[in-house]
Amino acid sequence: MSDTSKILLMLLMLVITSNLLTACKTTSIAETEKSVCSIFPAITYSSKDTPETSIQVRRHNAAFDSYCKR
């Protein structure tokens, strides 16, 4: 095997190893909570919605407030 081939092989192994090491990142609960709260904002409803819908929206928003505004 030539020196150039050895160097290329070593570089390839380095790239593969570095990709494997960075691919296993653990996400903390706090990071997950922040992302969930920014993705799922409170829901709005109108006077045209049925009473059941407005009750469900209020329940959802109460759960959202309880979870995201700690």
PDB file of N, CA and C in Angstrom:
ATOM      1  N   MET A   1       0.857  -1.175   0.000  1.00  0.00           N
ATOM      2  CA  MET A   1       0.000   0.000   0.000  1.00  0.00           C
ATOM      3  C   MET A   1       0.906   1.243   0.000  1.00  0.00           C
ATOM      4  N   SER A   2       0.590   2.185  -0.851  1.00  0.00           N
ATOM      5  CA  SER A   2       1.418   3.387  -0.957  1.00  0.00           C
ATOM      6  C   SER A   2       1.148   4.333   0.211  1.00  0.00           C
ATOM      7  N   ASP A   3       2.049   5.259   0.411  1.00  0.00           N
ATOM      8  CA  ASP A   3       1.891   6.244   1.489  1.00  0.00           C
ATOM      9  C   ASP A   3       0.636   7.087   1.294  1.00  0.00           C
ATOM     10  N   THR A   4       0.343   7.438   0.062  1.00  0.00           N
ATOM     11  CA  THR A   4      -0.858   8.233  -0.229  1.00  0.00           C
ATOM     12  C   THR A   4      -2.114   7.458   0.138  1.00  0.00           C
ATOM     13  N   SER A   5      -2.132   6.176  -0.195  1.00  0.00           N
ATOM     14  CA  SER A   5      -3.286   5.334   0.145  1.00  0.00           C
ATOM     15  C   SER A   5      -3.450   5.210   1.659  1.00  0.00           C
ATOM     16  N   LYS A   6      -2.342   5.070   2.364  1.00  0.00           N
ATOM     17  CA  LYS A   6      -2.399   4.976   3.827  1.00  0.00           C
ATOM     18  C   LYS A   6      -2.947   6.264   4.436  1.00  0.00           C
ATOM     19  N   ILE A   7      -2.507   7.391   3.923  1.00  0.00           N
ATOM     20  CA  ILE A   7      -2.977   8.683   4.440  1.00  0.00           C
ATOM     21  C   ILE A   7      -4.472   8.858   4.159  1.00  0.00           C
ATOM     22  N   LEU A   8      -4.891   8.508   2.946  1.00  0.00           N
ATOM     23  CA  LEU A   8      -6.313   8.612   2.612  1.00  0.00           C
ATOM     24  C   LEU A   8      -7.162   7.686   3.481  1.00  0.00           C
ATOM     25  N   LEU A   9      -6.674   6.487   3.715  1.00  0.00           N
ATOM     26  CA  LEU A   9      -7.384   5.542   4.566  1.00  0.00           C
ATOM     27  C   LEU A   9      -7.486   6.072   5.995  1.00  0.00           C
ATOM     28  N   MET A  10      -6.419   6.655   6.508  1.00  0.00           N
ATOM     29  CA  MET A  10      -6.438   7.218   7.861  1.00  0.00           C
ATOM     30  C   MET A  10      -7.412   8.397   7.946  1.00  0.00           C
ATOM     31  N   LEU A  11      -7.426   9.237   6.923  1.00  0.00           N
ATOM     32  CA  LEU A  11      -8.359  10.361   6.902  1.00  0.00           C
ATOM     33  C   LEU A  11      -9.799   9.874   6.853  1.00  0.00           C
ATOM     34  N   LEU A  12     -10.054   8.855   6.048  1.00  0.00           N
ATOM     35  CA  LEU A  12     -11.393   8.284   5.969  1.00  0.00           C
ATOM     36  C   LEU A  12     -11.826   7.716   7.318  1.00  0.00           C
ATOM     37  N   MET A  13     -10.929   7.024   7.987  1.00  0.00           N
ATOM     38  CA  MET A  13     -11.240   6.477   9.314  1.00  0.00           C
ATOM     39  C   MET A  13     -11.504   7.590  10.316  1.00  0.00           C
ATOM     40  N   LEU A  14     -10.769   8.674  10.232  1.00  0.00           N
ATOM     41  CA  LEU A  14     -10.968   9.814  11.126  1.00  0.00           C
ATOM     42  C   LEU A  14     -12.341  10.444  10.909  1.00  0.00           C
ATOM     43  N   VAL A  15     -12.719  10.613   9.653  1.00  0.00           N
ATOM     44  CA  VAL A  15     -14.030  11.196   9.336  1.00  0.00           C
ATOM     45  C   VAL A  15     -15.152  10.294   9.838  1.00  0.00           C
ATOM     46  N   ILE A  16     -15.043   9.013   9.598  1.00  0.00           N
ATOM     47  CA  ILE A  16     -16.076   8.074  10.056  1.00  0.00           C
ATOM     48  C   ILE A  16     -16.169   8.076  11.575  1.00  0.00           C
ATOM     49  N   THR A  17     -15.054   8.050  12.246  1.00  0.00           N
ATOM     50  CA  THR A  17     -15.040   8.052  13.709  1.00  0.00           C
ATOM     51  C   THR A  17     -15.649   9.326  14.270  1.00  0.00           C
ATOM     52  N   SER A  18     -15.293  10.458  13.689  1.00  0.00           N
ATOM     53  CA  SER A  18     -15.842  11.723  14.197  1.00  0.00           C
ATOM     54  C   SER A  18     -17.339  11.801  13.968  1.00  0.00           C
ATOM     55  N   ASN A  19     -17.838  11.268  12.857  1.00  0.00           N
ATOM     56  CA  ASN A  19     -19.283  11.245  12.615  1.00  0.00           C
ATOM     57  C   ASN A  19     -19.997  10.355  13.613  1.00  0.00           C
ATOM     58  N   LEU A  20     -19.408   9.234  13.943  1.00  0.00           N
ATOM     59  CA  LEU A  20     -20.025   8.335  14.916  1.00  0.00           C
ATOM     60  C   LEU A  20     -20.085   8.969  16.298  1.00  0.00           C
ATOM     61  N   LEU A  21     -19.052   9.690  16.674  1.00  0.00           N
ATOM     62  CA  LEU A  21     -19.016  10.296  18.000  1.00  0.00           C
ATOM     63  C   LEU A  21     -20.025  11.427  18.137  1.00  0.00           C
ATOM     64  N   THR A  22     -20.252  12.180  17.097  1.00  0.00           N
ATOM     65  CA  THR A  22     -21.188  13.303  17.185  1.00  0.00           C
ATOM     66  C   THR A  22     -22.627  12.881  16.939  1.00  0.00           C
ATOM     67  N   ALA A  23     -22.853  11.690  16.423  1.00  0.00           N
ATOM     68  CA  ALA A  23     -24.212  11.240  16.116  1.00  0.00           C
ATOM     69  C   ALA A  23     -24.967  10.802  17.365  1.00  0.00           C
ATOM     70  N   CYS A  24     -24.293  10.560  18.460  1.00  0.00           N
ATOM     71  CA  CYS A  24     -24.929  10.035  19.665  1.00  0.00           C
ATOM     72  C   CYS A  24     -25.096  11.126  20.714  1.00  0.00           C
ATOM     73  N   LYS A  25     -25.842  12.146  20.392  1.00  0.00           N
ATOM     74  CA  LYS A  25     -26.055  13.238  21.336  1.00  0.00           C
ATOM     75  C   LYS A  25     -27.341  12.984  22.116  1.00  0.00           C
ATOM     76  N   THR A  26     -27.277  13.113  23.408  1.00  0.00           N
ATOM     77  CA  THR A  26     -28.446  12.958  24.251  1.00  0.00           C
ATOM     78  C   THR A  26     -29.090  14.323  24.464  1.00  0.00           C
ATOM     79  N   THR A  27     -30.398  14.376  24.293  1.00  0.00           N
ATOM     80  CA  THR A  27     -31.136  15.616  24.495  1.00  0.00           C
ATOM     81  C   THR A  27     -31.692  15.623  25.906  1.00  0.00           C
ATOM     82  N   SER A  28     -31.456  16.685  26.628  1.00  0.00           N
ATOM     83  CA  SER A  28     -31.953  16.759  27.996  1.00  0.00           C
ATOM     84  C   SER A  28     -33.453  17.033  28.008  1.00  0.00           C
ATOM     85  N   ILE A  29     -34.074  16.766  29.139  1.00  0.00           N
ATOM     86  CA  ILE A  29     -35.505  17.012  29.285  1.00  0.00           C
ATOM     87  C   ILE A  29     -35.806  18.494  29.141  1.00  0.00           C
ATOM     88  N   ALA A  30     -34.958  19.336  29.677  1.00  0.00           N
ATOM     89  CA  ALA A  30     -35.180  20.785  29.590  1.00  0.00           C
ATOM     90  C   ALA A  30     -35.183  21.250  28.139  1.00  0.00           C
ATOM     91  N   GLU A  31     -34.267  20.712  27.325  1.00  0.00           N
ATOM     92  CA  GLU A  31     -34.239  21.079  25.908  1.00  0.00           C
ATOM     93  C   GLU A  31     -35.507  20.616  25.207  1.00  0.00           C
ATOM     94  N   THR A  32     -35.979  19.414  25.544  1.00  0.00           N
ATOM     95  CA  THR A  32     -37.199  18.892  24.940  1.00  0.00           C
ATOM     96  C   THR A  32     -38.393  19.737  25.329  1.00  0.00           C
ATOM     97  N   GLU A  33     -38.485  20.107  26.601  1.00  0.00           N
ATOM     98  CA  GLU A  33     -39.596  20.936  27.050  1.00  0.00           C
ATOM     99  C   GLU A  33     -39.628  22.268  26.314  1.00  0.00           C
ATOM    100  N   LYS A  34     -38.462  22.896  26.177  1.00  0.00           N
ATOM    101  CA  LYS A  34     -38.410  24.178  25.490  1.00  0.00           C
ATOM    102  C   LYS A  34     -38.874  24.040  24.049  1.00  0.00           C
ATOM    103  N   SER A  35     -38.433  22.988  23.373  1.00  0.00           N
ATOM    104  CA  SER A  35     -38.815  22.840  21.975  1.00  0.00           C
ATOM    105  C   SER A  35     -40.294  22.512  21.840  1.00  0.00           C
ATOM    106  N   VAL A  36     -40.828  21.689  22.723  1.00  0.00           N
ATOM    107  CA  VAL A  36     -42.252  21.364  22.671  1.00  0.00           C
ATOM    108  C   VAL A  36     -43.086  22.623  22.903  1.00  0.00           C
ATOM    109  N   CYS A  37     -42.695  23.433  23.848  1.00  0.00           N
ATOM    110  CA  CYS A  37     -43.460  24.643  24.155  1.00  0.00           C
ATOM    111  C   CYS A  37     -43.395  25.665  23.028  1.00  0.00           C
ATOM    112  N   SER A  38     -42.319  25.679  22.275  1.00  0.00           N
ATOM    113  CA  SER A  38     -42.237  26.629  21.164  1.00  0.00           C
ATOM    114  C   SER A  38     -42.924  26.096  19.914  1.00  0.00           C
ATOM    115  N   ILE A  39     -43.041  24.782  19.792  1.00  0.00           N
ATOM    116  CA  ILE A  39     -43.680  24.192  18.616  1.00  0.00           C
ATOM    117  C   ILE A  39     -45.203  24.188  18.764  1.00  0.00           C
ATOM    118  N   PHE A  40     -45.697  23.903  19.954  1.00  0.00           N
ATOM    119  CA  PHE A  40     -47.131  23.796  20.186  1.00  0.00           C
ATOM    120  C   PHE A  40     -47.626  24.948  21.044  1.00  0.00           C
ATOM    121  N   PRO A  41     -47.931  26.084  20.444  1.00  0.00           N
ATOM    122  CA  PRO A  41     -48.411  27.222  21.235  1.00  0.00           C
ATOM    123  C   PRO A  41     -49.861  27.022  21.668  1.00  0.00           C
ATOM    124  N   ALA A  42     -50.333  27.928  22.481  1.00  0.00           N
ATOM    125  CA  ALA A  42     -51.724  27.893  22.916  1.00  0.00           C
ATOM    126  C   ALA A  42     -52.644  28.001  21.700  1.00  0.00           C
ATOM    127  N   ILE A  43     -53.821  27.416  21.798  1.00  0.00           N
ATOM    128  CA  ILE A  43     -54.800  27.403  20.706  1.00  0.00           C
ATOM    129  C   ILE A  43     -55.853  28.478  20.977  1.00  0.00           C
ATOM    130  N   THR A  44     -56.314  29.101  19.923  1.00  0.00           N
ATOM    131  CA  THR A  44     -57.393  30.081  20.064  1.00  0.00           C
ATOM    132  C   THR A  44     -58.691  29.487  19.537  1.00  0.00           C
ATOM    133  N   TYR A  45     -59.802  30.036  19.994  1.00  0.00           N
ATOM    134  CA  TYR A  45     -61.111  29.602  19.516  1.00  0.00           C
ATOM    135  C   TYR A  45     -61.975  30.837  19.315  1.00  0.00           C
ATOM    136  N   SER A  46     -63.074  30.648  18.621  1.00  0.00           N
ATOM    137  CA  SER A  46     -63.951  31.792  18.329  1.00  0.00           C
ATOM    138  C   SER A  46     -65.362  31.505  18.822  1.00  0.00           C
ATOM    139  N   SER A  47     -66.180  32.509  18.747  1.00  0.00           N
ATOM    140  CA  SER A  47     -67.585  32.357  19.168  1.00  0.00           C
ATOM    141  C   SER A  47     -68.344  31.436  18.220  1.00  0.00           C
ATOM    142  N   LYS A  48     -67.795  31.163  17.051  1.00  0.00           N
ATOM    143  CA  LYS A  48     -68.439  30.273  16.087  1.00  0.00           C
ATOM    144  C   LYS A  48     -68.194  28.796  16.411  1.00  0.00           C
ATOM    145  N   ASP A  49     -67.218  28.512  17.286  1.00  0.00           N
ATOM    146  CA  ASP A  49     -66.940  27.129  17.668  1.00  0.00           C
ATOM    147  C   ASP A  49     -68.045  26.587  18.562  1.00  0.00           C
ATOM    148  N   THR A  50     -68.194  25.262  18.534  1.00  0.00           N
ATOM    149  CA  THR A  50     -69.183  24.630  19.404  1.00  0.00           C
ATOM    150  C   THR A  50     -68.721  24.728  20.851  1.00  0.00           C
ATOM    151  N   PRO A  51     -69.649  24.613  21.795  1.00  0.00           N
ATOM    152  CA  PRO A  51     -69.245  24.634  23.209  1.00  0.00           C
ATOM    153  C   PRO A  51     -68.228  23.527  23.536  1.00  0.00           C
ATOM    154  N   GLU A  52     -68.396  22.356  22.927  1.00  0.00           N
ATOM    155  CA  GLU A  52     -67.462  21.258  23.175  1.00  0.00           C
ATOM    156  C   GLU A  52     -66.046  21.621  22.702  1.00  0.00           C
ATOM    157  N   THR A  53     -65.982  22.268  21.555  1.00  0.00           N
ATOM    158  CA  THR A  53     -64.671  22.661  21.029  1.00  0.00           C
ATOM    159  C   THR A  53     -64.006  23.686  21.936  1.00  0.00           C
ATOM    160  N   SER A  54     -64.745  24.681  22.374  1.00  0.00           N
ATOM    161  CA  SER A  54     -64.142  25.700  23.239  1.00  0.00           C
ATOM    162  C   SER A  54     -63.711  25.105  24.576  1.00  0.00           C
ATOM    163  N   ILE A  55     -64.445  24.122  25.088  1.00  0.00           N
ATOM    164  CA  ILE A  55     -64.045  23.442  26.330  1.00  0.00           C
ATOM    165  C   ILE A  55     -62.737  22.680  26.106  1.00  0.00           C
ATOM    166  N   GLN A  56     -62.634  21.972  24.980  1.00  0.00           N
ATOM    167  CA  GLN A  56     -61.417  21.226  24.681  1.00  0.00           C
ATOM    168  C   GLN A  56     -60.225  22.166  24.500  1.00  0.00           C
ATOM    169  N   VAL A  57     -60.458  23.303  23.862  1.00  0.00           N
ATOM    170  CA  VAL A  57     -59.380  24.273  23.665  1.00  0.00           C
ATOM    171  C   VAL A  57     -58.924  24.825  25.018  1.00  0.00           C
ATOM    172  N   ARG A  58     -59.868  25.150  25.882  1.00  0.00           N
ATOM    173  CA  ARG A  58     -59.499  25.659  27.210  1.00  0.00           C
ATOM    174  C   ARG A  58     -58.729  24.625  28.007  1.00  0.00           C
ATOM    175  N   ARG A  59     -59.136  23.363  27.909  1.00  0.00           N
ATOM    176  CA  ARG A  59     -58.415  22.290  28.609  1.00  0.00           C
ATOM    177  C   ARG A  59     -56.997  22.153  28.070  1.00  0.00           C
ATOM    178  N   HIS A  60     -56.879  22.190  26.760  1.00  0.00           N
ATOM    179  CA  HIS A  60     -55.547  22.114  26.150  1.00  0.00           C
ATOM    180  C   HIS A  60     -54.676  23.277  26.620  1.00  0.00           C
ATOM    181  N   ASN A  61     -55.222  24.474  26.588  1.00  0.00           N
ATOM    182  CA  ASN A  61     -54.454  25.659  26.981  1.00  0.00           C
ATOM    183  C   ASN A  61     -54.082  25.625  28.463  1.00  0.00           C
ATOM    184  N   ALA A  62     -54.957  25.078  29.288  1.00  0.00           N
ATOM    185  CA  ALA A  62     -54.626  24.947  30.711  1.00  0.00           C
ATOM    186  C   ALA A  62     -53.461  23.970  30.894  1.00  0.00           C
ATOM    187  N   ALA A  63     -53.489  22.871  30.150  1.00  0.00           N
ATOM    188  CA  ALA A  63     -52.377  21.918  30.224  1.00  0.00           C
ATOM    189  C   ALA A  63     -51.094  22.556  29.687  1.00  0.00           C
ATOM    190  N   PHE A  64     -51.212  23.306  28.606  1.00  0.00           N
ATOM    191  CA  PHE A  64     -50.059  24.009  28.031  1.00  0.00           C
ATOM    192  C   PHE A  64     -49.465  24.969  29.055  1.00  0.00           C
ATOM    193  N   ASP A  65     -50.317  25.773  29.696  1.00  0.00           N
ATOM    194  CA  ASP A  65     -49.847  26.720  30.704  1.00  0.00           C
ATOM    195  C   ASP A  65     -49.171  26.007  31.865  1.00  0.00           C
ATOM    196  N   SER A  66     -49.769  24.921  32.303  1.00  0.00           N
ATOM    197  CA  SER A  66     -49.216  24.174  33.427  1.00  0.00           C
ATOM    198  C   SER A  66     -47.842  23.592  33.070  1.00  0.00           C
ATOM    199  N   TYR A  67     -47.684  23.129  31.853  1.00  0.00           N
ATOM    200  CA  TYR A  67     -46.447  22.480  31.438  1.00  0.00           C
ATOM    201  C   TYR A  67     -45.371  23.476  31.024  1.00  0.00           C
ATOM    202  N   CYS A  68     -45.759  24.488  30.277  1.00  0.00           N
ATOM    203  CA  CYS A  68     -44.766  25.381  29.661  1.00  0.00           C
ATOM    204  C   CYS A  68     -44.448  26.632  30.477  1.00  0.00           C
ATOM    205  N   LYS A  69     -45.275  26.984  31.413  1.00  0.00           N
ATOM    206  CA  LYS A  69     -45.031  28.220  32.167  1.00  0.00           C
ATOM    207  C   LYS A  69     -44.645  27.934  33.601  1.00  0.00           C
ATOM    208  N   ARG A  70     -43.797  26.921  33.780  1.00  0.00           N
ATOM    209  CA  ARG A  70     -43.326  26.573  35.126  1.00  0.00           C
ATOM    210  C   ARG A  70     -42.294  27.565  35.591  1.00  0.00           C
TER     211      ARG A  70
END
